[in-house]
Amino acid sequence: MKKPIVKIENWSVVGSVMFEGYRELEPGQRLLGEVFGHANLRSGLIYTSAILSANLVTRMVETRNTIYHLGAVSQDYERWVWQQEEARAA
């Protein structure tokens, strides 16, 4: 079965539905964001199933049923990523 490709905007990476902070973009984590063009879901805020793979070059993230094309990142998440990078550099 071919997976649909859906755009996700204002996205961030979280570990679970019970938000306990942001996570790195890696397998096992989940995307939270606004989707557009999903055949089975209305456009709007979603929480994905676990990430299987992520490719930042192509900006594609694969989950069990869907491939997400990463649009604009959430400003809060972008700030969190920057803080993590700064802490690692220190």
N, C-alpha and C. Protein backbone atom coordinates (compact mmCIF):
# COMPACT_ATOMS: atom_id res chain seq x y z
N MET A 1 0.83 -1.19 0.00
CA MET A 1 0.00 0.00 0.00
C MET A 1 0.88 1.25 0.00
N LYS A 2 0.60 2.14 -0.92
CA LYS A 2 1.35 3.39 -1.02
C LYS A 2 0.84 4.36 0.04
N LYS A 3 1.77 4.96 0.76
CA LYS A 3 1.41 5.91 1.82
C LYS A 3 1.13 7.28 1.23
N PRO A 4 0.11 7.97 1.74
CA PRO A 4 -0.13 9.34 1.29
C PRO A 4 0.96 10.27 1.79
N ILE A 5 1.24 11.31 1.02
CA ILE A 5 2.17 12.36 1.44
C ILE A 5 1.33 13.57 1.81
N VAL A 6 1.52 14.04 3.03
CA VAL A 6 0.71 15.11 3.59
C VAL A 6 1.63 16.21 4.12
N LYS A 7 1.28 17.45 3.86
CA LYS A 7 2.06 18.57 4.38
C LYS A 7 1.69 18.83 5.83
N ILE A 8 2.70 19.09 6.66
CA ILE A 8 2.48 19.44 8.07
C ILE A 8 3.19 20.76 8.35
N GLU A 9 2.44 21.70 8.91
CA GLU A 9 2.95 23.03 9.22
C GLU A 9 2.94 23.26 10.73
N ASN A 10 3.71 24.26 11.15
CA ASN A 10 3.75 24.64 12.57
C ASN A 10 3.99 23.39 13.43
N TRP A 11 4.95 22.58 12.99
CA TRP A 11 5.17 21.28 13.61
C TRP A 11 6.23 21.34 14.71
N SER A 12 6.12 20.36 15.58
CA SER A 12 7.11 20.13 16.62
C SER A 12 7.21 18.63 16.83
N VAL A 13 8.17 18.20 17.62
CA VAL A 13 8.36 16.78 17.91
C VAL A 13 8.14 16.57 19.40
N VAL A 14 7.26 15.62 19.71
CA VAL A 14 6.94 15.31 21.11
C VAL A 14 7.06 13.81 21.31
N GLY A 15 7.09 13.40 22.57
CA GLY A 15 7.23 11.98 22.87
C GLY A 15 5.91 11.25 23.03
N SER A 16 4.88 11.99 23.45
CA SER A 16 3.59 11.34 23.67
C SER A 16 2.48 12.37 23.65
N VAL A 17 1.24 11.87 23.71
CA VAL A 17 0.09 12.77 23.74
C VAL A 17 0.14 13.64 24.99
N MET A 18 0.60 13.08 26.08
CA MET A 18 0.76 13.83 27.33
C MET A 18 2.05 14.65 27.20
N PHE A 19 1.92 15.89 26.72
CA PHE A 19 3.08 16.71 26.42
C PHE A 19 3.95 16.89 27.66
N GLU A 20 5.17 16.43 27.55
CA GLU A 20 6.14 16.57 28.63
C GLU A 20 7.42 17.20 28.10
N GLY A 21 7.27 18.04 27.11
CA GLY A 21 8.42 18.71 26.53
C GLY A 21 8.72 18.19 25.14
N TYR A 22 9.56 18.92 24.45
CA TYR A 22 9.93 18.57 23.08
C TYR A 22 10.98 17.47 23.07
N ARG A 23 11.13 16.85 21.90
CA ARG A 23 12.08 15.77 21.69
C ARG A 23 12.83 16.02 20.39
N GLU A 24 13.93 15.29 20.21
CA GLU A 24 14.69 15.35 18.96
C GLU A 24 13.88 14.67 17.85
N LEU A 25 14.08 15.10 16.62
CA LEU A 25 13.42 14.50 15.46
C LEU A 25 14.13 13.19 15.15
N GLU A 26 13.55 12.08 15.61
CA GLU A 26 14.15 10.77 15.44
C GLU A 26 13.08 9.69 15.55
N PRO A 27 13.38 8.48 15.07
CA PRO A 27 12.41 7.39 15.18
C PRO A 27 11.93 7.18 16.62
N GLY A 28 10.64 6.85 16.73
CA GLY A 28 10.05 6.61 18.04
C GLY A 28 9.31 7.81 18.60
N GLN A 29 9.67 9.01 18.14
CA GLN A 29 8.99 10.22 18.60
C GLN A 29 7.78 10.47 17.71
N ARG A 30 7.05 11.55 17.95
CA ARG A 30 5.84 11.86 17.19
C ARG A 30 5.81 13.32 16.78
N LEU A 31 5.16 13.59 15.65
CA LEU A 31 4.97 14.96 15.21
C LEU A 31 3.65 15.50 15.74
N LEU A 32 3.65 16.77 16.06
CA LEU A 32 2.45 17.49 16.43
C LEU A 32 2.42 18.70 15.51
N GLY A 33 1.32 18.92 14.81
CA GLY A 33 1.25 20.07 13.92
C GLY A 33 -0.06 20.13 13.16
N GLU A 34 -0.11 21.05 12.22
CA GLU A 34 -1.30 21.27 11.41
C GLU A 34 -1.11 20.63 10.05
N VAL A 35 -2.03 19.72 9.69
CA VAL A 35 -1.91 19.02 8.42
C VAL A 35 -2.89 19.56 7.39
N PHE A 36 -2.51 19.38 6.14
CA PHE A 36 -3.32 19.82 5.02
C PHE A 36 -3.26 18.74 3.95
N GLY A 37 -4.40 18.37 3.41
CA GLY A 37 -4.44 17.44 2.30
C GLY A 37 -4.42 15.98 2.67
N HIS A 38 -4.77 15.63 3.89
CA HIS A 38 -4.83 14.21 4.29
C HIS A 38 -6.17 13.64 3.84
N ALA A 39 -6.14 12.52 3.14
CA ALA A 39 -7.37 11.92 2.59
C ALA A 39 -8.34 11.46 3.66
N ASN A 40 -7.84 11.04 4.83
CA ASN A 40 -8.70 10.46 5.86
C ASN A 40 -8.97 11.38 7.05
N LEU A 41 -8.31 12.51 7.10
CA LEU A 41 -8.48 13.42 8.23
C LEU A 41 -8.80 14.82 7.73
N ARG A 42 -9.56 15.54 8.53
CA ARG A 42 -9.78 16.96 8.21
C ARG A 42 -8.49 17.72 8.41
N SER A 43 -8.35 18.80 7.67
CA SER A 43 -7.20 19.67 7.88
C SER A 43 -7.28 20.24 9.29
N GLY A 44 -6.15 20.34 9.95
CA GLY A 44 -6.11 20.88 11.30
C GLY A 44 -5.03 20.22 12.13
N LEU A 45 -5.08 20.44 13.43
CA LEU A 45 -4.06 19.96 14.36
C LEU A 45 -4.13 18.44 14.51
N ILE A 46 -2.97 17.79 14.40
CA ILE A 46 -2.91 16.34 14.60
C ILE A 46 -1.69 15.97 15.43
N TYR A 47 -1.73 14.77 15.91
CA TYR A 47 -0.64 14.12 16.63
C TYR A 47 -0.41 12.81 15.89
N THR A 48 0.77 12.58 15.34
CA THR A 48 1.01 11.43 14.48
C THR A 48 1.31 10.17 15.29
N SER A 49 1.31 9.05 14.58
CA SER A 49 1.84 7.83 15.16
C SER A 49 3.36 7.98 15.22
N ALA A 50 4.03 6.99 15.78
CA ALA A 50 5.49 7.08 15.97
C ALA A 50 6.23 7.24 14.65
N ILE A 51 7.26 8.04 14.69
CA ILE A 51 8.12 8.26 13.52
C ILE A 51 8.93 7.00 13.25
N LEU A 52 8.92 6.57 11.98
CA LEU A 52 9.74 5.44 11.55
C LEU A 52 11.08 5.92 11.01
N SER A 53 11.05 7.02 10.24
CA SER A 53 12.28 7.59 9.69
C SER A 53 12.07 9.06 9.40
N ALA A 54 13.19 9.78 9.39
CA ALA A 54 13.14 11.22 9.12
C ALA A 54 14.33 11.59 8.22
N ASN A 55 14.06 12.38 7.20
CA ASN A 55 15.10 12.83 6.29
C ASN A 55 15.01 14.35 6.20
N LEU A 56 15.95 15.05 6.84
CA LEU A 56 15.90 16.51 6.84
C LEU A 56 16.30 17.11 5.51
N VAL A 57 17.02 16.38 4.68
CA VAL A 57 17.39 16.88 3.36
C VAL A 57 16.14 17.01 2.49
N THR A 58 15.31 15.96 2.48
CA THR A 58 14.09 15.99 1.68
C THR A 58 12.91 16.56 2.47
N ARG A 59 13.11 16.77 3.78
CA ARG A 59 12.08 17.27 4.70
C ARG A 59 10.87 16.34 4.74
N MET A 60 11.15 15.03 4.73
CA MET A 60 10.10 14.02 4.78
C MET A 60 10.25 13.19 6.05
N VAL A 61 9.12 12.93 6.70
CA VAL A 61 9.08 12.10 7.90
C VAL A 61 8.05 11.01 7.66
N GLU A 62 8.46 9.75 7.85
CA GLU A 62 7.56 8.63 7.63
C GLU A 62 7.06 8.07 8.95
N THR A 63 5.75 7.85 9.02
CA THR A 63 5.12 7.16 10.15
C THR A 63 4.50 5.88 9.61
N ARG A 64 3.77 5.18 10.43
CA ARG A 64 3.20 3.89 10.04
C ARG A 64 2.32 3.99 8.79
N ASN A 65 1.48 5.01 8.71
CA ASN A 65 0.52 5.10 7.62
C ASN A 65 0.72 6.26 6.66
N THR A 66 1.60 7.20 7.01
CA THR A 66 1.68 8.45 6.25
C THR A 66 3.12 8.93 6.14
N ILE A 67 3.40 9.66 5.07
CA ILE A 67 4.66 10.39 4.93
C ILE A 67 4.31 11.87 5.04
N TYR A 68 4.98 12.56 5.94
CA TYR A 68 4.73 13.98 6.17
C TYR A 68 5.83 14.81 5.55
N HIS A 69 5.42 15.82 4.76
CA HIS A 69 6.35 16.79 4.20
C HIS A 69 6.40 17.95 5.18
N LEU A 70 7.57 18.21 5.74
CA LEU A 70 7.71 19.24 6.76
C LEU A 70 7.66 20.63 6.15
N GLY A 71 6.70 21.41 6.59
CA GLY A 71 6.61 22.81 6.22
C GLY A 71 7.32 23.63 7.29
N ALA A 72 6.72 24.75 7.67
CA ALA A 72 7.31 25.62 8.68
C ALA A 72 7.27 24.96 10.06
N VAL A 73 8.37 25.10 10.77
CA VAL A 73 8.48 24.55 12.12
C VAL A 73 7.82 25.50 13.12
N SER A 74 7.33 24.97 14.22
CA SER A 74 6.79 25.79 15.30
C SER A 74 7.90 26.68 15.85
N GLN A 75 7.61 27.92 16.11
CA GLN A 75 8.62 28.84 16.66
C GLN A 75 9.12 28.37 18.02
N ASP A 76 8.22 27.85 18.84
CA ASP A 76 8.64 27.34 20.16
C ASP A 76 9.58 26.16 20.01
N TYR A 77 9.26 25.26 19.08
CA TYR A 77 10.12 24.10 18.87
C TYR A 77 11.47 24.52 18.29
N GLU A 78 11.45 25.45 17.37
CA GLU A 78 12.70 25.95 16.78
C GLU A 78 13.60 26.56 17.86
N ARG A 79 13.00 27.30 18.77
CA ARG A 79 13.75 27.89 19.88
C ARG A 79 14.33 26.79 20.78
N TRP A 80 13.54 25.75 21.05
CA TRP A 80 14.00 24.63 21.87
C TRP A 80 15.20 23.94 21.21
N VAL A 81 15.12 23.68 19.90
CA VAL A 81 16.22 23.05 19.17
C VAL A 81 17.48 23.91 19.28
N TRP A 82 17.32 25.20 19.09
CA TRP A 82 18.47 26.12 19.18
C TRP A 82 19.10 26.05 20.57
N GLN A 83 18.28 26.02 21.62
CA GLN A 83 18.79 25.94 22.99
C GLN A 83 19.54 24.63 23.23
N GLN A 84 19.03 23.53 22.64
CA GLN A 84 19.72 22.23 22.77
C GLN A 84 21.08 22.28 22.09
N GLU A 85 21.14 22.88 20.92
CA GLU A 85 22.41 22.99 20.19
C GLU A 85 23.40 23.87 20.94
N GLU A 86 22.91 24.95 21.52
CA GLU A 86 23.78 25.83 22.31
C GLU A 86 24.34 25.10 23.53
N ALA A 87 23.50 24.32 24.20
CA ALA A 87 23.93 23.58 25.39
C ALA A 87 24.98 22.53 25.02
N ARG A 88 24.82 21.88 23.87
CA ARG A 88 25.82 20.87 23.45
C ARG A 88 27.15 21.53 23.09
N ALA A 89 27.08 22.74 22.56
CA ALA A 89 28.31 23.45 22.14
C ALA A 89 29.08 24.00 23.36
N ALA A 90 28.39 24.20 24.46
CA ALA A 90 29.03 24.81 25.64
C ALA A 90 29.94 23.83 26.36
